[in-house]
Protein backbone atom coordinates (compact mmCIF):
# COMPACT_ATOMS: atom_id res chain seq x y z
CA MET A 1 3.21 -25.49 330.99
CA LYS A 2 1.91 -22.77 328.69
CA ARG A 3 -1.10 -23.70 326.56
CA LYS A 4 -0.40 -23.65 322.85
CA ASN A 5 -2.60 -21.33 320.81
CA THR A 6 -5.07 -23.05 318.52
CA LEU A 7 -6.25 -22.19 315.03
CA PHE A 8 -9.91 -23.20 314.64
CA VAL A 9 -11.54 -23.32 311.21
CA ASP A 10 -15.29 -23.10 310.64
CA ALA A 11 -14.81 -25.67 307.89
CA ASP A 12 -18.14 -26.58 306.30
CA ALA A 13 -17.94 -24.04 303.46
CA CYS A 14 -14.34 -22.93 303.83
CA PRO A 15 -12.59 -22.62 300.46
CA VAL A 16 -9.10 -22.00 301.90
CA LYS A 17 -8.43 -25.27 303.76
CA GLU A 18 -5.33 -26.08 301.70
CA GLU A 19 -3.86 -22.63 302.35
CA ILE A 20 -4.57 -22.99 306.06
CA LEU A 21 -2.82 -26.37 306.24
CA ALA A 22 0.26 -25.20 304.35
CA ILE A 23 0.66 -21.92 306.25
CA ALA A 24 -0.16 -23.33 309.69
CA ARG A 25 2.42 -26.10 309.35
CA SER A 26 5.15 -23.62 308.54
CA TYR A 27 4.30 -21.73 311.77
CA ASP A 28 3.99 -24.89 313.93
CA PHE A 29 0.22 -24.52 314.36
CA GLU A 30 -2.09 -27.48 314.07
CA PRO A 31 -5.40 -26.22 312.76
CA VAL A 32 -8.60 -27.78 314.06
CA PHE A 33 -11.24 -28.01 311.34
CA VAL A 34 -14.77 -28.07 312.75
CA ALA A 35 -17.53 -29.31 310.44
CA SER A 36 -20.86 -31.10 310.51
CA TYR A 37 -21.06 -34.85 309.92
CA ALA A 38 -22.66 -34.02 306.55
CA SER A 39 -19.20 -32.85 305.43
CA TYR A 40 -17.47 -36.04 306.56
CA SER A 41 -14.92 -37.47 304.18
CA ALA A 42 -12.27 -40.09 304.79
CA ASP A 43 -9.99 -38.16 302.41
CA ARG A 44 -8.88 -35.24 304.58
CA GLU A 45 -5.76 -33.81 306.10
CA GLY A 46 -5.23 -32.33 309.52
CA LYS A 47 -7.19 -32.56 312.74
CA TRP A 48 -10.97 -32.60 312.27
CA VAL A 49 -13.83 -32.40 314.75
CA PHE A 50 -17.25 -33.39 313.46
CA VAL A 51 -20.42 -32.14 315.11
CA ASP A 52 -24.07 -32.87 314.45
CA GLN A 53 -25.93 -31.15 311.64
CA ARG A 54 -27.85 -28.62 313.70
CA LYS A 55 -27.53 -25.13 312.24
CA GLU A 56 -25.17 -23.69 314.86
CA ALA A 57 -23.42 -26.84 316.11
CA ALA A 58 -20.00 -25.99 314.63
CA ASP A 59 -20.26 -22.41 315.93
CA LEU A 60 -21.13 -23.64 319.43
CA TYR A 61 -18.19 -26.04 319.41
CA ILE A 62 -15.83 -23.25 318.42
CA VAL A 63 -17.22 -20.81 321.00
CA ASN A 64 -16.97 -23.45 323.75
CA HIS A 65 -13.40 -24.48 322.91
CA THR A 66 -11.62 -21.22 322.10
CA HIS A 67 -9.44 -19.36 324.58
CA PRO A 68 -8.01 -15.85 324.48
CA CYS A 69 -5.28 -15.56 321.83
CA ASP A 70 -6.66 -18.39 319.70
CA ILE A 71 -7.42 -17.77 316.04
CA VAL A 72 -10.65 -18.59 314.23
CA VAL A 73 -11.20 -18.59 310.47
CA THR A 74 -14.87 -18.09 309.63
CA GLN A 75 -17.25 -16.38 307.24
CA ASP A 76 -19.87 -16.11 310.00
CA ILE A 77 -19.97 -12.54 311.33
CA GLY A 78 -22.32 -13.59 314.14
CA LEU A 79 -19.74 -16.12 315.33
CA ALA A 80 -17.04 -13.47 314.97
CA GLY A 81 -19.09 -11.16 317.16
CA LEU A 82 -19.14 -13.76 319.94
CA LEU A 83 -15.38 -14.26 319.76
CA THR A 84 -13.85 -10.81 319.37
CA ASN A 85 -14.83 -9.62 322.84
CA ARG A 86 -13.16 -12.77 324.23
CA HIS A 87 -9.80 -11.69 322.69
CA VAL A 88 -9.91 -14.36 320.00
CA SER A 89 -8.44 -13.29 316.65
CA VAL A 90 -10.94 -13.74 313.82
CA LEU A 91 -10.07 -13.86 310.13
CA THR A 92 -12.51 -14.14 307.23
CA ILE A 93 -11.81 -16.29 304.19
CA ARG A 94 -11.22 -13.11 302.19
CA GLY A 95 -8.46 -11.94 304.52
CA GLN A 96 -10.36 -9.42 306.64
CA ILE A 97 -9.48 -9.25 310.34
CA VAL A 98 -12.64 -8.95 312.42
CA SER A 99 -11.90 -7.02 315.60
CA GLU A 100 -13.73 -5.31 318.41
CA GLN A 101 -13.28 -2.07 316.42
CA ASN A 102 -15.13 -3.25 313.28
CA VAL A 103 -17.44 -6.06 314.38
CA ASP A 104 -20.36 -3.75 315.24
CA MET A 105 -20.26 -2.23 311.75
CA LEU A 106 -20.09 -5.70 310.14
CA LEU A 107 -22.99 -6.97 312.26
CA SER A 108 -25.01 -3.87 311.38
CA ARG A 109 -24.42 -4.47 307.65
CA ARG A 110 -25.55 -8.06 308.07
CA TYR A 111 -28.67 -6.96 309.92
CA GLN A 112 -29.53 -4.36 307.26
CA ALA A 113 -29.13 -6.99 304.52
CA TYR A 114 -31.45 -9.38 306.39
CA ARG A 115 -34.03 -6.61 306.84
CA ALA A 116 -33.90 -5.75 303.15
CA LEU A 117 -34.24 -9.40 302.19
CA ASN A 118 -37.19 -9.90 304.53
CA ALA A 119 -38.83 -6.81 303.04
CA GLY A 120 -38.66 -8.46 299.64
CA GLU A 121 -35.81 -6.39 298.29
CA ARG A 122 -33.30 -8.03 296.06
CA ILE A 123 -29.80 -7.81 297.49
CA LYS A 124 -26.45 -8.68 296.00
CA GLY A 125 -24.63 -11.68 297.36
CA PRO A 126 -20.90 -11.78 297.85
CA LYS A 127 -18.65 -11.36 294.85
CA PRO A 128 -17.17 -14.57 293.43
CA PHE A 129 -14.19 -15.90 295.36
CA THR A 130 -11.01 -15.17 293.37
CA ARG A 131 -7.29 -15.91 293.41
CA GLN A 132 -6.79 -12.43 294.83
CA HIS A 133 -9.05 -13.32 297.78
CA ARG A 134 -6.90 -16.44 298.37
CA LYS A 135 -3.76 -14.28 298.33
CA ASN A 136 -5.32 -11.72 300.68
CA PHE A 137 -6.33 -14.53 303.04
CA SER A 138 -2.88 -16.15 302.93
CA ASP A 139 -1.10 -12.84 303.56
CA ALA A 140 -3.43 -12.00 306.46
CA LEU A 141 -3.04 -15.44 308.05
CA ILE A 142 0.74 -15.24 307.80
CA ASN A 143 0.70 -11.77 309.42
CA LEU A 144 -1.56 -13.04 312.20
CA LEU A 145 0.54 -16.14 312.91
CA CYS A 146 3.71 -14.02 312.97
CA ARG A 147 2.28 -12.22 316.02
CA PHE A 148 2.17 -15.40 318.09
CA ASP A 149 5.21 -16.67 319.93
CA HIS A 150 4.96 -20.29 320.94
């Protein structure tokens, strides 16, 4: 029997959970939301996996449970870097596909920002999350799920 592809969500700070649930259901995907116990709530929808509160516990769970052709939604470019070379599709909450072709550039940007911050420079954070970002994410997730035949 063929393994069904899984949609994992790095869920602790994910602002598009509702969009993920609605879109995934219409494509017969059951998303797996991975979060720390600190984010536990009895009022939740979908399948949830809770991990301890160590800094990288959710990332480690995702890395250890993904297979080629799975999908991961995350804001963590470091996690994305670990997954793209394993043929896992990675999507950011703003709708950007992270691939083997662009992950090195994204990791380099992150590194440069950390260096500047450590040198005492003031750096800009991300722009506020908008309705347009939600739309970009939803469109990108739909396009990604359309590629999978299960």
